[in-house]
């Protein structure tokens, strides 16, 4: 499985995980000049932008540490752009990270960090 296929599969697993938790998926792979938002979902009254990181490793931390300061800035800028372009209201929102780890055997391991940027 190449990197793009791995990432797409991880995003599918993440979307399924979110649906099972009661989230409504609004969009996937939303692009703007500032970047891409992997998944946009609704969690009750909160609009959630989800960054999905998939790794061929049994260690969730490998995926979580890949959110660099530059990536953080792009996620925030993309979220603001989405709200300005696609919404007529000013919703409460947050950015989550879902890490998908693929051990050599067994099922994928998913970790969901809500409000991952903590602001």
PDB file of N, CA and C in Angstrom:
ATOM      1  N   UNK A   1       0.854  -1.166   0.000  1.00  0.00           N
ATOM      2  CA  UNK A   1       0.000   0.000   0.000  1.00  0.00           C
ATOM      3  C   UNK A   1       0.909   1.241   0.000  1.00  0.00           C
ATOM      4  N   UNK A   2       0.761   2.099  -1.014  1.00  0.00           N
ATOM      5  CA  UNK A   2       1.588   3.305  -1.060  1.00  0.00           C
ATOM      6  C   UNK A   2       1.050   4.363  -0.091  1.00  0.00           C
ATOM      7  N   UNK A   3       1.791   5.462   0.029  1.00  0.00           N
ATOM      8  CA  UNK A   3       1.461   6.498   1.010  1.00  0.00           C
ATOM      9  C   UNK A   3       0.075   7.099   0.786  1.00  0.00           C
ATOM     10  N   UNK A   4      -0.278   7.381  -0.488  1.00  0.00           N
ATOM     11  CA  UNK A   4      -1.589   7.972  -0.772  1.00  0.00           C
ATOM     12  C   UNK A   4      -2.722   7.003  -0.472  1.00  0.00           C
ATOM     13  N   UNK A   5      -2.532   5.753  -0.850  1.00  0.00           N
ATOM     14  CA  UNK A   5      -3.548   4.734  -0.577  1.00  0.00           C
ATOM     15  C   UNK A   5      -3.697   4.532   0.929  1.00  0.00           C
ATOM     16  N   UNK A   6      -2.576   4.504   1.622  1.00  0.00           N
ATOM     17  CA  UNK A   6      -2.591   4.347   3.078  1.00  0.00           C
ATOM     18  C   UNK A   6      -3.355   5.499   3.732  1.00  0.00           C
ATOM     19  N   UNK A   7      -3.075   6.725   3.298  1.00  0.00           N
ATOM     20  CA  UNK A   7      -3.764   7.890   3.852  1.00  0.00           C
ATOM     21  C   UNK A   7      -5.256   7.866   3.585  1.00  0.00           C
ATOM     22  N   UNK A   8      -5.638   7.505   2.352  1.00  0.00           N
ATOM     23  CA  UNK A   8      -7.065   7.440   1.998  1.00  0.00           C
ATOM     24  C   UNK A   8      -7.776   6.378   2.824  1.00  0.00           C
ATOM     25  N   UNK A   9      -7.128   5.236   3.015  1.00  0.00           N
ATOM     26  CA  UNK A   9      -7.735   4.172   3.813  1.00  0.00           C
ATOM     27  C   UNK A   9      -7.877   4.612   5.271  1.00  0.00           C
ATOM     28  N   UNK A  10      -6.862   5.280   5.790  1.00  0.00           N
ATOM     29  CA  UNK A  10      -6.937   5.791   7.160  1.00  0.00           C
ATOM     30  C   UNK A  10      -8.084   6.771   7.337  1.00  0.00           C
ATOM     31  N   UNK A  11      -8.305   7.622   6.334  1.00  0.00           N
ATOM     32  CA  UNK A  11      -9.410   8.582   6.402  1.00  0.00           C
ATOM     33  C   UNK A  11     -10.760   7.870   6.369  1.00  0.00           C
ATOM     34  N   UNK A  12     -10.864   6.785   5.612  1.00  0.00           N
ATOM     35  CA  UNK A  12     -12.115   6.005   5.596  1.00  0.00           C
ATOM     36  C   UNK A  12     -12.374   5.383   6.962  1.00  0.00           C
ATOM     37  N   UNK A  13     -11.331   4.800   7.569  1.00  0.00           N
ATOM     38  CA  UNK A  13     -11.496   4.218   8.905  1.00  0.00           C
ATOM     39  C   UNK A  13     -11.877   5.299   9.912  1.00  0.00           C
ATOM     40  N   UNK A  14     -11.256   6.470   9.799  1.00  0.00           N
ATOM     41  CA  UNK A  14     -11.560   7.571  10.721  1.00  0.00           C
ATOM     42  C   UNK A  14     -13.005   8.038  10.562  1.00  0.00           C
ATOM     43  N   UNK A  15     -13.473   8.172   9.326  1.00  0.00           N
ATOM     44  CA  UNK A  15     -14.859   8.603   9.091  1.00  0.00           C
ATOM     45  C   UNK A  15     -15.842   7.576   9.653  1.00  0.00           C
ATOM     46  N   UNK A  16     -15.545   6.304   9.466  1.00  0.00           N
ATOM     47  CA  UNK A  16     -16.412   5.254  10.013  1.00  0.00           C
ATOM     48  C   UNK A  16     -16.431   5.323  11.542  1.00  0.00           C
ATOM     49  N   UNK A  17     -15.273   5.514  12.133  1.00  0.00           N
ATOM     50  CA  UNK A  17     -15.162   5.656  13.585  1.00  0.00           C
ATOM     51  C   UNK A  17     -16.030   6.822  14.076  1.00  0.00           C
ATOM     52  N   UNK A  18     -15.936   7.964  13.385  1.00  0.00           N
ATOM     53  CA  UNK A  18     -16.712   9.144  13.782  1.00  0.00           C
ATOM     54  C   UNK A  18     -18.214   8.905  13.642  1.00  0.00           C
ATOM     55  N   UNK A  19     -18.627   8.283  12.546  1.00  0.00           N
ATOM     56  CA  UNK A  19     -20.061   7.964  12.371  1.00  0.00           C
ATOM     57  C   UNK A  19     -20.546   7.083  13.517  1.00  0.00           C
ATOM     58  N   UNK A  20     -19.741   6.100  13.889  1.00  0.00           N
ATOM     59  CA  UNK A  20     -20.115   5.202  14.988  1.00  0.00           C
ATOM     60  C   UNK A  20     -20.219   5.942  16.323  1.00  0.00           C
ATOM     61  N   UNK A  21     -19.523   7.067  16.457  1.00  0.00           N
ATOM     62  CA  UNK A  21     -19.608   7.892  17.668  1.00  0.00           C
ATOM     63  C   UNK A  21     -20.735   8.914  17.588  1.00  0.00           C
ATOM     64  N   UNK A  22     -21.483   8.926  16.472  1.00  0.00           N
ATOM     65  CA  UNK A  22     -22.616   9.830  16.349  1.00  0.00           C
ATOM     66  C   UNK A  22     -22.341  11.135  15.619  1.00  0.00           C
ATOM     67  N   UNK A  23     -21.150  11.291  15.079  1.00  0.00           N
ATOM     68  CA  UNK A  23     -20.836  12.493  14.308  1.00  0.00           C
ATOM     69  C   UNK A  23     -21.527  12.408  12.947  1.00  0.00           C
ATOM     70  N   UNK A  24     -21.845  13.563  12.383  1.00  0.00           N
ATOM     71  CA  UNK A  24     -22.348  13.653  11.016  1.00  0.00           C
ATOM     72  C   UNK A  24     -21.212  14.174  10.148  1.00  0.00           C
ATOM     73  N   UNK A  25     -20.841  13.403   9.138  1.00  0.00           N
ATOM     74  CA  UNK A  25     -19.771  13.819   8.228  1.00  0.00           C
ATOM     75  C   UNK A  25     -20.352  14.825   7.237  1.00  0.00           C
ATOM     76  N   UNK A  26     -19.755  15.999   7.168  1.00  0.00           N
ATOM     77  CA  UNK A  26     -20.196  17.055   6.257  1.00  0.00           C
ATOM     78  C   UNK A  26     -19.401  17.015   4.962  1.00  0.00           C
ATOM     79  N   UNK A  27     -18.092  16.838   5.071  1.00  0.00           N
ATOM     80  CA  UNK A  27     -17.230  16.832   3.882  1.00  0.00           C
ATOM     81  C   UNK A  27     -15.952  16.069   4.188  1.00  0.00           C
ATOM     82  N   UNK A  28     -15.337  15.567   3.137  1.00  0.00           N
ATOM     83  CA  UNK A  28     -14.017  14.955   3.256  1.00  0.00           C
ATOM     84  C   UNK A  28     -13.112  15.578   2.197  1.00  0.00           C
ATOM     85  N   UNK A  29     -11.852  15.674   2.538  1.00  0.00           N
ATOM     86  CA  UNK A  29     -10.832  16.213   1.625  1.00  0.00           C
ATOM     87  C   UNK A  29     -11.224  17.564   1.039  1.00  0.00           C
ATOM     88  N   UNK A  30     -11.638  18.485   1.909  1.00  0.00           N
ATOM     89  CA  UNK A  30     -12.021  19.831   1.480  1.00  0.00           C
ATOM     90  C   UNK A  30     -10.753  20.649   1.269  1.00  0.00           C
ATOM     91  N   UNK A  31     -10.635  21.245   0.090  1.00  0.00           N
ATOM     92  CA  UNK A  31      -9.432  21.998  -0.280  1.00  0.00           C
ATOM     93  C   UNK A  31      -9.708  23.490  -0.377  1.00  0.00           C
ATOM     94  N   UNK A  32      -8.715  24.282  -0.018  1.00  0.00           N
ATOM     95  CA  UNK A  32      -8.727  25.726  -0.246  1.00  0.00           C
ATOM     96  C   UNK A  32      -7.279  26.146  -0.483  1.00  0.00           C
ATOM     97  N   UNK A  33      -7.058  27.411  -0.752  1.00  0.00           N
ATOM     98  CA  UNK A  33      -5.695  27.866  -1.022  1.00  0.00           C
ATOM     99  C   UNK A  33      -4.784  27.708   0.196  1.00  0.00           C
ATOM    100  N   UNK A  34      -5.351  27.632   1.364  1.00  0.00           N
ATOM    101  CA  UNK A  34      -4.554  27.524   2.588  1.00  0.00           C
ATOM    102  C   UNK A  34      -4.197  26.087   2.962  1.00  0.00           C
ATOM    103  N   UNK A  35      -4.891  25.118   2.365  1.00  0.00           N
ATOM    104  CA  UNK A  35      -4.592  23.732   2.689  1.00  0.00           C
ATOM    105  C   UNK A  35      -5.784  22.824   2.491  1.00  0.00           C
ATOM    106  N   UNK A  36      -5.734  21.681   3.156  1.00  0.00           N
ATOM    107  CA  UNK A  36      -6.789  20.678   3.048  1.00  0.00           C
ATOM    108  C   UNK A  36      -7.271  20.303   4.444  1.00  0.00           C
ATOM    109  N   UNK A  37      -8.568  20.067   4.543  1.00  0.00           N
ATOM    110  CA  UNK A  37      -9.164  19.536   5.767  1.00  0.00           C
ATOM    111  C   UNK A  37      -9.611  18.118   5.454  1.00  0.00           C
ATOM    112  N   UNK A  38      -9.062  17.141   6.173  1.00  0.00           N
ATOM    113  CA  UNK A  38      -9.350  15.736   5.865  1.00  0.00           C
ATOM    114  C   UNK A  38     -10.824  15.406   6.036  1.00  0.00           C
ATOM    115  N   UNK A  39     -11.370  15.750   7.191  1.00  0.00           N
ATOM    116  CA  UNK A  39     -12.782  15.474   7.475  1.00  0.00           C
ATOM    117  C   UNK A  39     -13.376  16.694   8.177  1.00  0.00           C
ATOM    118  N   UNK A  40     -14.570  17.067   7.754  1.00  0.00           N
ATOM    119  CA  UNK A  40     -15.338  18.102   8.446  1.00  0.00           C
ATOM    120  C   UNK A  40     -16.608  17.417   8.924  1.00  0.00           C
ATOM    121  N   UNK A  41     -16.894  17.547  10.212  1.00  0.00           N
ATOM    122  CA  UNK A  41     -18.029  16.832  10.790  1.00  0.00           C
ATOM    123  C   UNK A  41     -18.758  17.725  11.786  1.00  0.00           C
ATOM    124  N   UNK A  42     -19.935  17.279  12.146  1.00  0.00           N
ATOM    125  CA  UNK A  42     -20.735  17.952  13.167  1.00  0.00           C
ATOM    126  C   UNK A  42     -20.833  17.017  14.360  1.00  0.00           C
ATOM    127  N   UNK A  43     -20.493  17.526  15.541  1.00  0.00           N
ATOM    128  CA  UNK A  43     -20.619  16.784  16.794  1.00  0.00           C
ATOM    129  C   UNK A  43     -21.577  17.579  17.670  1.00  0.00           C
ATOM    130  N   UNK A  44     -22.859  17.245  17.567  1.00  0.00           N
ATOM    131  CA  UNK A  44     -23.867  18.044  18.263  1.00  0.00           C
ATOM    132  C   UNK A  44     -23.892  19.436  17.668  1.00  0.00           C
ATOM    133  N   UNK A  45     -23.668  20.453  18.504  1.00  0.00           N
ATOM    134  CA  UNK A  45     -23.667  21.844  18.043  1.00  0.00           C
ATOM    135  C   UNK A  45     -22.288  22.325  17.597  1.00  0.00           C
ATOM    136  N   UNK A  46     -21.295  21.463  17.653  1.00  0.00           N
ATOM    137  CA  UNK A  46     -19.922  21.888  17.366  1.00  0.00           C
ATOM    138  C   UNK A  46     -19.474  21.390  15.996  1.00  0.00           C
ATOM    139  N   UNK A  47     -18.924  22.314  15.216  1.00  0.00           N
ATOM    140  CA  UNK A  47     -18.321  21.983  13.936  1.00  0.00           C
ATOM    141  C   UNK A  47     -16.906  21.493  14.224  1.00  0.00           C
ATOM    142  N   UNK A  48     -16.549  20.344  13.660  1.00  0.00           N
ATOM    143  CA  UNK A  48     -15.257  19.741  13.973  1.00  0.00           C
ATOM    144  C   UNK A  48     -14.462  19.529  12.691  1.00  0.00           C
ATOM    145  N   UNK A  49     -13.230  20.013  12.701  1.00  0.00           N
ATOM    146  CA  UNK A  49     -12.293  19.792  11.610  1.00  0.00           C
ATOM    147  C   UNK A  49     -11.321  18.723  12.090  1.00  0.00           C
ATOM    148  N   UNK A  50     -11.204  17.640  11.328  1.00  0.00           N
ATOM    149  CA  UNK A  50     -10.407  16.505  11.778  1.00  0.00           C
ATOM    150  C   UNK A  50      -9.236  16.274  10.844  1.00  0.00           C
ATOM    151  N   UNK A  51      -8.050  16.269  11.427  1.00  0.00           N
ATOM    152  CA  UNK A  51      -6.830  15.904  10.713  1.00  0.00           C
ATOM    153  C   UNK A  51      -6.583  14.430  11.002  1.00  0.00           C
ATOM    154  N   UNK A  52      -6.397  13.649   9.947  1.00  0.00           N
ATOM    155  CA  UNK A  52      -6.170  12.212  10.100  1.00  0.00           C
ATOM    156  C   UNK A  52      -4.717  11.913   9.754  1.00  0.00           C
ATOM    157  N   UNK A  53      -4.047  11.215  10.647  1.00  0.00           N
ATOM    158  CA  UNK A  53      -2.669  10.796  10.424  1.00  0.00           C
ATOM    159  C   UNK A  53      -2.622   9.280  10.507  1.00  0.00           C
ATOM    160  N   UNK A  54      -2.169   8.658   9.442  1.00  0.00           N
ATOM    161  CA  UNK A  54      -2.105   7.198   9.382  1.00  0.00           C
ATOM    162  C   UNK A  54      -0.652   6.782   9.246  1.00  0.00           C
ATOM    163  N   UNK A  55      -0.258   5.795  10.021  1.00  0.00           N
ATOM    164  CA  UNK A  55       1.120   5.318  10.007  1.00  0.00           C
ATOM    165  C   UNK A  55       1.162   3.796  10.009  1.00  0.00           C
ATOM    166  N   UNK A  56       2.182   3.265   9.368  1.00  0.00           N
ATOM    167  CA  UNK A  56       2.437   1.821   9.395  1.00  0.00           C
ATOM    168  C   UNK A  56       3.246   1.504  10.652  1.00  0.00           C
ATOM    169  N   UNK A  57       2.632   1.645  11.760  1.00  0.00           N
ATOM    170  CA  UNK A  57       3.301   1.448  13.033  1.00  0.00           C
ATOM    171  C   UNK A  57       2.246   1.106  14.063  1.00  0.00           C
ATOM    172  N   UNK A  58       2.642   0.374  15.056  1.00  0.00           N
ATOM    173  CA  UNK A  58       1.708   0.061  16.136  1.00  0.00           C
ATOM    174  C   UNK A  58       1.653   1.196  17.154  1.00  0.00           C
ATOM    175  N   UNK A  59       2.472   2.215  16.963  1.00  0.00           N
ATOM    176  CA  UNK A  59       2.583   3.293  17.941  1.00  0.00           C
ATOM    177  C   UNK A  59       1.793   4.519  17.501  1.00  0.00           C
ATOM    178  N   UNK A  60       0.739   4.810  18.215  1.00  0.00           N
ATOM    179  CA  UNK A  60      -0.104   5.967  17.925  1.00  0.00           C
ATOM    180  C   UNK A  60       0.708   7.258  17.999  1.00  0.00           C
ATOM    181  N   UNK A  61       1.651   7.331  18.907  1.00  0.00           N
ATOM    182  CA  UNK A  61       2.436   8.558  19.079  1.00  0.00           C
ATOM    183  C   UNK A  61       3.154   8.955  17.794  1.00  0.00           C
ATOM    184  N   UNK A  62       3.548   7.985  16.969  1.00  0.00           N
ATOM    185  CA  UNK A  62       4.212   8.300  15.698  1.00  0.00           C
ATOM    186  C   UNK A  62       3.337   9.193  14.833  1.00  0.00           C
ATOM    187  N   UNK A  63       2.052   8.950  14.844  1.00  0.00           N
ATOM    188  CA  UNK A  63       1.131   9.759  14.044  1.00  0.00           C
ATOM    189  C   UNK A  63       0.857  11.102  14.712  1.00  0.00           C
ATOM    190  N   UNK A  64       0.702  11.106  16.012  1.00  0.00           N
ATOM    191  CA  UNK A  64       0.340  12.340  16.715  1.00  0.00           C
ATOM    192  C   UNK A  64       1.444  13.390  16.679  1.00  0.00           C
ATOM    193  N   UNK A  65       2.696  12.964  16.744  1.00  0.00           N
ATOM    194  CA  UNK A  65       3.787  13.942  16.758  1.00  0.00           C
ATOM    195  C   UNK A  65       4.030  14.563  15.389  1.00  0.00           C
ATOM    196  N   UNK A  66       3.350  14.078  14.379  1.00  0.00           N
ATOM    197  CA  UNK A  66       3.567  14.615  13.034  1.00  0.00           C
ATOM    198  C   UNK A  66       2.803  15.917  12.784  1.00  0.00           C
ATOM    199  N   UNK A  67       2.089  16.436  13.779  1.00  0.00           N
ATOM    200  CA  UNK A  67       1.413  17.732  13.641  1.00  0.00           C
ATOM    201  C   UNK A  67       2.432  18.814  14.009  1.00  0.00           C
ATOM    202  N   UNK A  68       3.080  19.347  12.997  1.00  0.00           N
ATOM    203  CA  UNK A  68       4.115  20.360  13.185  1.00  0.00           C
ATOM    204  C   UNK A  68       3.476  21.733  13.421  1.00  0.00           C
ATOM    205  N   UNK A  69       4.240  22.696  13.910  1.00  0.00           N
ATOM    206  CA  UNK A  69       3.688  24.052  14.044  1.00  0.00           C
ATOM    207  C   UNK A  69       3.163  24.598  12.709  1.00  0.00           C
ATOM    208  N   UNK A  70       3.849  24.312  11.620  1.00  0.00           N
ATOM    209  CA  UNK A  70       3.375  24.777  10.308  1.00  0.00           C
ATOM    210  C   UNK A  70       2.042  24.117   9.952  1.00  0.00           C
ATOM    211  N   UNK A  71       1.921  22.812  10.204  1.00  0.00           N
ATOM    212  CA  UNK A  71       0.671  22.109   9.916  1.00  0.00           C
ATOM    213  C   UNK A  71      -0.448  22.678  10.782  1.00  0.00           C
ATOM    214  N   UNK A  72      -0.147  22.979  12.027  1.00  0.00           N
ATOM    215  CA  UNK A  72      -1.134  23.568  12.939  1.00  0.00           C
ATOM    216  C   UNK A  72      -1.662  24.884  12.375  1.00  0.00           C
ATOM    217  N   UNK A  73      -0.758  25.742  11.905  1.00  0.00           N
ATOM    218  CA  UNK A  73      -1.162  27.023  11.317  1.00  0.00           C
ATOM    219  C   UNK A  73      -2.042  26.820  10.089  1.00  0.00           C
ATOM    220  N   UNK A  74      -1.691  25.857   9.238  1.00  0.00           N
ATOM    221  CA  UNK A  74      -2.469  25.593   8.027  1.00  0.00           C
ATOM    222  C   UNK A  74      -3.859  25.055   8.371  1.00  0.00           C
ATOM    223  N   UNK A  75      -3.943  24.214   9.390  1.00  0.00           N
ATOM    224  CA  UNK A  75      -5.245  23.694   9.811  1.00  0.00           C
ATOM    225  C   UNK A  75      -6.150  24.829  10.300  1.00  0.00           C
ATOM    226  N   UNK A  76      -5.599  25.699  11.118  1.00  0.00           N
ATOM    227  CA  UNK A  76      -6.388  26.814  11.644  1.00  0.00           C
ATOM    228  C   UNK A  76      -6.822  27.738  10.511  1.00  0.00           C
ATOM    229  N   UNK A  77      -5.906  28.076   9.615  1.00  0.00           N
ATOM    230  CA  UNK A  77      -6.239  28.955   8.487  1.00  0.00           C
ATOM    231  C   UNK A  77      -7.287  28.312   7.589  1.00  0.00           C
ATOM    232  N   UNK A  78      -7.165  27.018   7.344  1.00  0.00           N
ATOM    233  CA  UNK A  78      -8.148  26.312   6.510  1.00  0.00           C
ATOM    234  C   UNK A  78      -9.515  26.283   7.181  1.00  0.00           C
ATOM    235  N   UNK A  79      -9.537  26.094   8.500  1.00  0.00           N
ATOM    236  CA  UNK A  79     -10.810  26.095   9.232  1.00  0.00           C
ATOM    237  C   UNK A  79     -11.489  27.460   9.120  1.00  0.00           C
ATOM    238  N   UNK A  80     -10.735  28.528   9.312  1.00  0.00           N
ATOM    239  CA  UNK A  80     -11.305  29.876   9.157  1.00  0.00           C
ATOM    240  C   UNK A  80     -11.826  30.096   7.736  1.00  0.00           C
ATOM    241  N   UNK A  81     -11.078  29.618   6.745  1.00  0.00           N
ATOM    242  CA  UNK A  81     -11.507  29.769   5.351  1.00  0.00           C
ATOM    243  C   UNK A  81     -12.797  29.007   5.103  1.00  0.00           C
ATOM    244  N   UNK A  82     -12.895  27.783   5.619  1.00  0.00           N
ATOM    245  CA  UNK A  82     -14.120  26.997   5.454  1.00  0.00           C
ATOM    246  C   UNK A  82     -15.311  27.746   6.050  1.00  0.00           C
ATOM    247  N   UNK A  83     -15.160  28.239   7.256  1.00  0.00           N
ATOM    248  CA  UNK A  83     -16.271  28.941   7.912  1.00  0.00           C
ATOM    249  C   UNK A  83     -16.670  30.176   7.108  1.00  0.00           C
ATOM    250  N   UNK A  84     -15.691  30.933   6.633  1.00  0.00           N
ATOM    251  CA  UNK A  84     -15.987  32.145   5.859  1.00  0.00           C
ATOM    252  C   UNK A  84     -16.657  31.820   4.527  1.00  0.00           C
ATOM    253  N   UNK A  85     -16.212  30.741   3.873  1.00  0.00           N
ATOM    254  CA  UNK A  85     -16.718  30.398   2.537  1.00  0.00           C
ATOM    255  C   UNK A  85     -18.003  29.584   2.546  1.00  0.00           C
ATOM    256  N   UNK A  86     -18.176  28.743   3.556  1.00  0.00           N
ATOM    257  CA  UNK A  86     -19.241  27.740   3.506  1.00  0.00           C
ATOM    258  C   UNK A  86     -20.356  27.928   4.528  1.00  0.00           C
ATOM    259  N   UNK A  87     -20.153  28.797   5.496  1.00  0.00           N
ATOM    260  CA  UNK A  87     -21.146  28.948   6.559  1.00  0.00           C
ATOM    261  C   UNK A  87     -21.676  30.372   6.590  1.00  0.00           C
ATOM    262  N   UNK A  88     -22.946  30.506   6.924  1.00  0.00           N
ATOM    263  CA  UNK A  88     -23.531  31.839   7.068  1.00  0.00           C
ATOM    264  C   UNK A  88     -23.583  32.250   8.541  1.00  0.00           C
ATOM    265  N   UNK A  89     -23.229  31.324   9.414  1.00  0.00           N
ATOM    266  CA  UNK A  89     -23.221  31.606  10.847  1.00  0.00           C
ATOM    267  C   UNK A  89     -21.781  31.567  11.362  1.00  0.00           C
ATOM    268  N   UNK A  90     -21.616  31.775  12.647  1.00  0.00           N
ATOM    269  CA  UNK A  90     -20.309  31.671  13.284  1.00  0.00           C
ATOM    270  C   UNK A  90     -20.387  30.545  14.314  1.00  0.00           C
ATOM    271  N   UNK A  91     -20.173  29.312  13.868  1.00  0.00           N
ATOM    272  CA  UNK A  91     -20.362  28.170  14.763  1.00  0.00           C
ATOM    273  C   UNK A  91     -19.231  28.027  15.776  1.00  0.00           C
ATOM    274  N   UNK A  92     -19.560  27.365  16.882  1.00  0.00           N
ATOM    275  CA  UNK A  92     -18.502  26.901  17.773  1.00  0.00           C
ATOM    276  C   UNK A  92     -17.774  25.805  17.014  1.00  0.00           C
ATOM    277  N   UNK A  93     -16.455  25.758  17.137  1.00  0.00           N
ATOM    278  CA  UNK A  93     -15.711  24.755  16.380  1.00  0.00           C
ATOM    279  C   UNK A  93     -14.435  24.368  17.117  1.00  0.00           C
ATOM    280  N   UNK A  94     -13.883  23.255  16.665  1.00  0.00           N
ATOM    281  CA  UNK A  94     -12.621  22.781  17.226  1.00  0.00           C
ATOM    282  C   UNK A  94     -11.898  21.967  16.156  1.00  0.00           C
ATOM    283  N   UNK A  95     -10.636  21.700  16.430  1.00  0.00           N
ATOM    284  CA  UNK A  95      -9.842  20.849  15.548  1.00  0.00           C
ATOM    285  C   UNK A  95      -9.435  19.616  16.340  1.00  0.00           C
ATOM    286  N   UNK A  96      -9.775  18.452  15.807  1.00  0.00           N
ATOM    287  CA  UNK A  96      -9.404  17.173  16.404  1.00  0.00           C
ATOM    288  C   UNK A  96      -8.341  16.508  15.543  1.00  0.00           C
ATOM    289  N   UNK A  97      -7.642  15.571  16.133  1.00  0.00           N
ATOM    290  CA  UNK A  97      -6.715  14.727  15.385  1.00  0.00           C
ATOM    291  C   UNK A  97      -7.107  13.282  15.627  1.00  0.00           C
ATOM    292  N   UNK A  98      -7.172  12.526  14.546  1.00  0.00           N
ATOM    293  CA  UNK A  98      -7.353  11.083  14.659  1.00  0.00           C
ATOM    294  C   UNK A  98      -6.091  10.431  14.128  1.00  0.00           C
ATOM    295  N   UNK A  99      -5.494   9.608  14.959  1.00  0.00           N
ATOM    296  CA  UNK A  99      -4.312   8.850  14.564  1.00  0.00           C
ATOM    297  C   UNK A  99      -4.729   7.413  14.311  1.00  0.00           C
ATOM    298  N   UNK A 100      -4.314   6.900  13.171  1.00  0.00           N
ATOM    299  CA  UNK A 100      -4.594   5.514  12.815  1.00  0.00           C
ATOM    300  C   UNK A 100      -3.248   4.807  12.707  1.00  0.00           C
ATOM    301  N   UNK A 101      -3.057   3.791  13.522  1.00  0.00           N
ATOM    302  CA  UNK A 101      -1.823   3.007  13.493  1.00  0.00           C
ATOM    303  C   UNK A 101      -2.138   1.627  12.939  1.00  0.00           C
ATOM    304  N   UNK A 102      -1.295   1.181  12.028  1.00  0.00           N
ATOM    305  CA  UNK A 102      -1.497  -0.124  11.403  1.00  0.00           C
ATOM    306  C   UNK A 102      -0.411  -1.086  11.859  1.00  0.00           C
ATOM    307  N   UNK A 103      -0.702  -1.887  12.871  1.00  0.00           N
ATOM    308  CA  UNK A 103       0.282  -2.879  13.281  1.00  0.00           C
ATOM    309  C   UNK A 103       0.448  -3.925  12.179  1.00  0.00           C
ATOM    310  N   UNK A 104       1.531  -4.669  12.227  1.00  0.00           N
ATOM    311  CA  UNK A 104       1.777  -5.663  11.176  1.00  0.00           C
ATOM    312  C   UNK A 104       0.726  -6.759  11.167  1.00  0.00           C
ATOM    313  N   UNK A 105       0.109  -7.013  12.303  1.00  0.00           N
ATOM    314  CA  UNK A 105      -0.989  -7.979  12.354  1.00  0.00           C
ATOM    315  C   UNK A 105      -2.143  -7.361  13.129  1.00  0.00           C
ATOM    316  N   UNK A 106      -3.341  -7.771  12.789  1.00  0.00           N
ATOM    317  CA  UNK A 106      -4.510  -7.296  13.521  1.00  0.00           C
ATOM    318  C   UNK A 106      -5.146  -6.076  12.899  1.00  0.00           C
ATOM    319  N   UNK A 107      -6.118  -5.554  13.609  1.00  0.00           N
ATOM    320  CA  UNK A 107      -6.919  -4.424  13.157  1.00  0.00           C
ATOM    321  C   UNK A 107      -6.194  -3.100  13.395  1.00  0.00           C
ATOM    322  N   UNK A 108      -6.590  -2.062  12.649  1.00  0.00           N
ATOM    323  CA  UNK A 108      -6.017  -0.740  12.904  1.00  0.00           C
ATOM    324  C   UNK A 108      -6.376  -0.261  14.311  1.00  0.00           C
ATOM    325  N   UNK A 109      -5.486   0.515  14.876  1.00  0.00           N
ATOM    326  CA  UNK A 109      -5.704   1.107  16.190  1.00  0.00           C
ATOM    327  C   UNK A 109      -5.982   2.592  15.965  1.00  0.00           C
ATOM    328  N   UNK A 110      -7.088   3.078  16.522  1.00  0.00           N
ATOM    329  CA  UNK A 110      -7.492   4.470  16.308  1.00  0.00           C
ATOM    330  C   UNK A 110      -7.480   5.212  17.638  1.00  0.00           C
ATOM    331  N   UNK A 111      -6.841   6.375  17.635  1.00  0.00           N
ATOM    332  CA  UNK A 111      -6.855   7.270  18.796  1.00  0.00           C
ATOM    333  C   UNK A 111      -7.431   8.602  18.345  1.00  0.00           C
ATOM    334  N   UNK A 112      -8.375   9.123  19.100  1.00  0.00           N
ATOM    335  CA  UNK A 112      -9.056  10.373  18.761  1.00  0.00           C
ATOM    336  C   UNK A 112      -8.745  11.394  19.849  1.00  0.00           C
ATOM    337  N   UNK A 113      -8.101  12.472  19.458  1.00  0.00           N
ATOM    338  CA  UNK A 113      -7.783  13.544  20.395  1.00  0.00           C
ATOM    339  C   UNK A 113      -8.679  14.731  20.065  1.00  0.00           C
ATOM    340  N   UNK A 114      -9.663  14.978  20.922  1.00  0.00           N
ATOM    341  CA  UNK A 114     -10.565  16.106  20.716  1.00  0.00           C
ATOM    342  C   UNK A 114      -9.867  17.399  21.120  1.00  0.00           C
ATOM    343  N   UNK A 115     -10.176  18.461  20.392  1.00  0.00           N
ATOM    344  CA  UNK A 115      -9.585  19.775  20.641  1.00  0.00           C
ATOM    345  C   UNK A 115      -8.069  19.652  20.775  1.00  0.00           C
ATOM    346  N   UNK A 116      -7.485  18.987  19.790  1.00  0.00           N
ATOM    347  CA  UNK A 116      -6.073  18.609  19.838  1.00  0.00           C
ATOM    348  C   UNK A 116      -5.121  19.795  19.886  1.00  0.00           C
ATOM    349  N   UNK A 117      -5.558  20.933  19.372  1.00  0.00           N
ATOM    350  CA  UNK A 117      -4.672  22.093  19.372  1.00  0.00           C
ATOM    351  C   UNK A 117      -4.816  22.914  20.641  1.00  0.00           C
ATOM    352  N   UNK A 118      -5.818  22.560  21.440  1.00  0.00           N
ATOM    353  CA  UNK A 118      -5.966  23.117  22.776  1.00  0.00           C
ATOM    354  C   UNK A 118      -6.069  24.622  22.873  1.00  0.00           C
ATOM    355  N   UNK A 119      -6.805  25.210  22.010  1.00  0.00           N
ATOM    356  CA  UNK A 119      -6.978  26.663  22.099  1.00  0.00           C
ATOM    357  C   UNK A 119      -8.417  26.955  22.025  1.00  0.00           C
TER     358      UNK A 119
END
